[in-house]
Amino acid sequence: MTSPGPEDEGGDAACWLRRVCPACGRIADEDPPTRCPACGEVLPAE
């Protein structure tokens, strides 16, 4: 069996980056402006 190449790597879409909480790293359930559901940190609109 061969190991997967770079083209086979998965991951989250870059457009979700704005949903990542800077305080705890959790992904928010909706686009900013919102609050992190885990820690309550405000995720401002850009």
PDB file of N, CA and C in Angstrom:
ATOM      1  N   MET A   1       0.853  -1.182   0.000  1.00  0.00           N
ATOM      2  CA  MET A   1       0.000   0.000   0.000  1.00  0.00           C
ATOM      3  C   MET A   1       0.896   1.241   0.000  1.00  0.00           C
ATOM      4  N   THR A   2       0.532   2.245  -0.769  1.00  0.00           N
ATOM      5  CA  THR A   2       1.312   3.474  -0.843  1.00  0.00           C
ATOM      6  C   THR A   2       0.695   4.535   0.054  1.00  0.00           C
ATOM      7  N   SER A   3       1.550   5.438   0.491  1.00  0.00           N
ATOM      8  CA  SER A   3       1.039   6.538   1.318  1.00  0.00           C
ATOM      9  C   SER A   3       0.427   7.600   0.411  1.00  0.00           C
ATOM     10  N   PRO A   4      -0.577   8.316   0.924  1.00  0.00           N
ATOM     11  CA  PRO A   4      -1.236   9.335   0.096  1.00  0.00           C
ATOM     12  C   PRO A   4      -0.288  10.485  -0.216  1.00  0.00           C
ATOM     13  N   GLY A   5      -0.418  11.025  -1.402  1.00  0.00           N
ATOM     14  CA  GLY A   5       0.395  12.162  -1.804  1.00  0.00           C
ATOM     15  C   GLY A   5      -0.258  13.463  -1.371  1.00  0.00           C
ATOM     16  N   PRO A   6       0.408  14.584  -1.599  1.00  0.00           N
ATOM     17  CA  PRO A   6      -0.123  15.884  -1.205  1.00  0.00           C
ATOM     18  C   PRO A   6      -1.501  16.181  -1.785  1.00  0.00           C
ATOM     19  N   GLU A   7      -1.766  15.667  -2.976  1.00  0.00           N
ATOM     20  CA  GLU A   7      -3.070  15.922  -3.588  1.00  0.00           C
ATOM     21  C   GLU A   7      -4.190  15.175  -2.876  1.00  0.00           C
ATOM     22  N   ASP A   8      -3.855  14.208  -2.034  1.00  0.00           N
ATOM     23  CA  ASP A   8      -4.861  13.432  -1.323  1.00  0.00           C
ATOM     24  C   ASP A   8      -5.155  13.965   0.081  1.00  0.00           C
ATOM     25  N   GLU A   9      -4.414  14.973   0.519  1.00  0.00           N
ATOM     26  CA  GLU A   9      -4.606  15.496   1.865  1.00  0.00           C
ATOM     27  C   GLU A   9      -5.924  16.244   1.966  1.00  0.00           C
ATOM     28  N   GLY A  10      -6.645  16.003   3.031  1.00  0.00           N
ATOM     29  CA  GLY A  10      -7.913  16.687   3.261  1.00  0.00           C
ATOM     30  C   GLY A  10      -7.703  17.907   4.132  1.00  0.00           C
ATOM     31  N   GLY A  11      -8.785  18.433   4.625  1.00  0.00           N
ATOM     32  CA  GLY A  11      -8.695  19.587   5.502  1.00  0.00           C
ATOM     33  C   GLY A  11      -9.884  20.504   5.317  1.00  0.00           C
ATOM     34  N   ASP A  12      -9.939  21.490   6.184  1.00  0.00           N
ATOM     35  CA  ASP A  12     -11.031  22.453   6.117  1.00  0.00           C
ATOM     36  C   ASP A  12     -10.740  23.498   5.058  1.00  0.00           C
ATOM     37  N   ALA A  13     -11.798  23.996   4.484  1.00  0.00           N
ATOM     38  CA  ALA A  13     -11.663  25.042   3.473  1.00  0.00           C
ATOM     39  C   ALA A  13     -11.102  26.321   4.095  1.00  0.00           C
ATOM     40  N   ALA A  14     -10.319  27.054   3.334  1.00  0.00           N
ATOM     41  CA  ALA A  14      -9.715  28.293   3.832  1.00  0.00           C
ATOM     42  C   ALA A  14     -10.765  29.329   4.205  1.00  0.00           C
ATOM     43  N   CYS A  15     -11.948  29.242   3.604  1.00  0.00           N
ATOM     44  CA  CYS A  15     -12.982  30.228   3.911  1.00  0.00           C
ATOM     45  C   CYS A  15     -13.503  30.067   5.339  1.00  0.00           C
ATOM     46  N   TRP A  16     -13.188  28.964   6.011  1.00  0.00           N
ATOM     47  CA  TRP A  16     -13.609  28.761   7.400  1.00  0.00           C
ATOM     48  C   TRP A  16     -12.638  29.418   8.380  1.00  0.00           C
ATOM     49  N   LEU A  17     -11.526  29.911   7.903  1.00  0.00           N
ATOM     50  CA  LEU A  17     -10.509  30.477   8.769  1.00  0.00           C
ATOM     51  C   LEU A  17     -11.052  31.603   9.643  1.00  0.00           C
ATOM     52  N   ARG A  18     -11.937  32.419   9.095  1.00  0.00           N
ATOM     53  CA  ARG A  18     -12.498  33.534   9.882  1.00  0.00           C
ATOM     54  C   ARG A  18     -13.399  33.053  11.015  1.00  0.00           C
ATOM     55  N   ARG A  19     -13.814  31.781  10.976  1.00  0.00           N
ATOM     56  CA  ARG A  19     -14.649  31.223  12.036  1.00  0.00           C
ATOM     57  C   ARG A  19     -13.839  30.653  13.206  1.00  0.00           C
ATOM     58  N   VAL A  20     -12.519  30.567  13.067  1.00  0.00           N
ATOM     59  CA  VAL A  20     -11.682  29.989  14.112  1.00  0.00           C
ATOM     60  C   VAL A  20     -11.537  30.989  15.256  1.00  0.00           C
ATOM     61  N   CYS A  21     -11.864  30.554  16.454  1.00  0.00           N
ATOM     62  CA  CYS A  21     -11.768  31.415  17.627  1.00  0.00           C
ATOM     63  C   CYS A  21     -10.301  31.623  17.988  1.00  0.00           C
ATOM     64  N   PRO A  22      -9.859  32.882  18.126  1.00  0.00           N
ATOM     65  CA  PRO A  22      -8.464  33.132  18.472  1.00  0.00           C
ATOM     66  C   PRO A  22      -8.143  32.749  19.920  1.00  0.00           C
ATOM     67  N   ALA A  23      -9.154  32.643  20.761  1.00  0.00           N
ATOM     68  CA  ALA A  23      -8.926  32.317  22.169  1.00  0.00           C
ATOM     69  C   ALA A  23      -8.793  30.823  22.425  1.00  0.00           C
ATOM     70  N   CYS A  24      -9.657  30.011  21.783  1.00  0.00           N
ATOM     71  CA  CYS A  24      -9.645  28.577  22.100  1.00  0.00           C
ATOM     72  C   CYS A  24      -9.451  27.670  20.896  1.00  0.00           C
ATOM     73  N   GLY A  25      -9.564  28.210  19.671  1.00  0.00           N
ATOM     74  CA  GLY A  25      -9.328  27.423  18.481  1.00  0.00           C
ATOM     75  C   GLY A  25     -10.540  26.688  17.928  1.00  0.00           C
ATOM     76  N   ARG A  26     -11.675  26.798  18.598  1.00  0.00           N
ATOM     77  CA  ARG A  26     -12.874  26.120  18.104  1.00  0.00           C
ATOM     78  C   ARG A  26     -13.424  26.870  16.900  1.00  0.00           C
ATOM     79  N   ILE A  27     -14.095  26.163  16.020  1.00  0.00           N
ATOM     80  CA  ILE A  27     -14.730  26.794  14.862  1.00  0.00           C
ATOM     81  C   ILE A  27     -16.156  27.174  15.243  1.00  0.00           C
ATOM     82  N   ALA A  28     -16.491  28.439  15.019  1.00  0.00           N
ATOM     83  CA  ALA A  28     -17.828  28.937  15.323  1.00  0.00           C
ATOM     84  C   ALA A  28     -18.853  28.307  14.388  1.00  0.00           C
ATOM     85  N   ASP A  29     -20.093  28.291  14.810  1.00  0.00           N
ATOM     86  CA  ASP A  29     -21.171  27.682  14.047  1.00  0.00           C
ATOM     87  C   ASP A  29     -21.653  28.547  12.889  1.00  0.00           C
ATOM     88  N   GLU A  30     -21.316  29.831  12.916  1.00  0.00           N
ATOM     89  CA  GLU A  30     -21.745  30.753  11.860  1.00  0.00           C
ATOM     90  C   GLU A  30     -20.647  31.765  11.595  1.00  0.00           C
ATOM     91  N   ASP A  31     -20.762  32.457  10.469  1.00  0.00           N
ATOM     92  CA  ASP A  31     -19.781  33.473  10.116  1.00  0.00           C
ATOM     93  C   ASP A  31     -19.874  34.652  11.079  1.00  0.00           C
ATOM     94  N   PRO A  32     -18.741  35.329  11.322  1.00  0.00           N
ATOM     95  CA  PRO A  32     -18.744  36.533  12.152  1.00  0.00           C
ATOM     96  C   PRO A  32     -19.585  37.627  11.508  1.00  0.00           C
ATOM     97  N   PRO A  33     -20.119  38.528  12.291  1.00  0.00           N
ATOM     98  CA  PRO A  33     -19.924  38.689  13.727  1.00  0.00           C
ATOM     99  C   PRO A  33     -20.742  37.673  14.519  1.00  0.00           C
ATOM    100  N   THR A  34     -20.086  37.054  15.486  1.00  0.00           N
ATOM    101  CA  THR A  34     -20.726  36.066  16.338  1.00  0.00           C
ATOM    102  C   THR A  34     -19.873  35.865  17.585  1.00  0.00           C
ATOM    103  N   ARG A  35     -20.293  34.974  18.437  1.00  0.00           N
ATOM    104  CA  ARG A  35     -19.514  34.598  19.618  1.00  0.00           C
ATOM    105  C   ARG A  35     -19.137  33.128  19.499  1.00  0.00           C
ATOM    106  N   CYS A  36     -18.008  32.791  20.045  1.00  0.00           N
ATOM    107  CA  CYS A  36     -17.556  31.403  20.070  1.00  0.00           C
ATOM    108  C   CYS A  36     -18.499  30.628  21.004  1.00  0.00           C
ATOM    109  N   PRO A  37     -19.055  29.514  20.539  1.00  0.00           N
ATOM    110  CA  PRO A  37     -19.953  28.748  21.382  1.00  0.00           C
ATOM    111  C   PRO A  37     -19.249  28.039  22.539  1.00  0.00           C
ATOM    112  N   ALA A  38     -17.929  27.900  22.452  1.00  0.00           N
ATOM    113  CA  ALA A  38     -17.186  27.210  23.506  1.00  0.00           C
ATOM    114  C   ALA A  38     -16.759  28.153  24.644  1.00  0.00           C
ATOM    115  N   CYS A  39     -16.190  29.300  24.279  1.00  0.00           N
ATOM    116  CA  CYS A  39     -15.626  30.175  25.322  1.00  0.00           C
ATOM    117  C   CYS A  39     -16.281  31.555  25.393  1.00  0.00           C
ATOM    118  N   GLY A  40     -17.114  31.904  24.412  1.00  0.00           N
ATOM    119  CA  GLY A  40     -17.816  33.189  24.437  1.00  0.00           C
ATOM    120  C   GLY A  40     -17.044  34.342  23.839  1.00  0.00           C
ATOM    121  N   GLU A  41     -15.841  34.084  23.319  1.00  0.00           N
ATOM    122  CA  GLU A  41     -15.048  35.152  22.697  1.00  0.00           C
ATOM    123  C   GLU A  41     -15.797  35.753  21.516  1.00  0.00           C
ATOM    124  N   VAL A  42     -15.752  37.064  21.381  1.00  0.00           N
ATOM    125  CA  VAL A  42     -16.388  37.741  20.252  1.00  0.00           C
ATOM    126  C   VAL A  42     -15.542  37.564  19.013  1.00  0.00           C
ATOM    127  N   LEU A  43     -16.176  37.114  17.942  1.00  0.00           N
ATOM    128  CA  LEU A  43     -15.517  37.021  16.639  1.00  0.00           C
ATOM    129  C   LEU A  43     -16.082  38.153  15.794  1.00  0.00           C
ATOM    130  N   PRO A  44     -15.344  39.246  15.659  1.00  0.00           N
ATOM    131  CA  PRO A  44     -15.873  40.417  14.941  1.00  0.00           C
ATOM    132  C   PRO A  44     -15.919  40.208  13.441  1.00  0.00           C
ATOM    133  N   ALA A  45     -16.783  40.988  12.805  1.00  0.00           N
ATOM    134  CA  ALA A  45     -16.805  41.000  11.334  1.00  0.00           C
ATOM    135  C   ALA A  45     -15.517  41.675  10.875  1.00  0.00           C
ATOM    136  N   GLU A  46     -15.045  41.283   9.750  1.00  0.00           N
ATOM    137  CA  GLU A  46     -13.758  41.829   9.267  1.00  0.00           C
ATOM    138  C   GLU A  46     -13.867  43.204   8.770  1.00  0.00           C
TER     139      GLU A  46
END
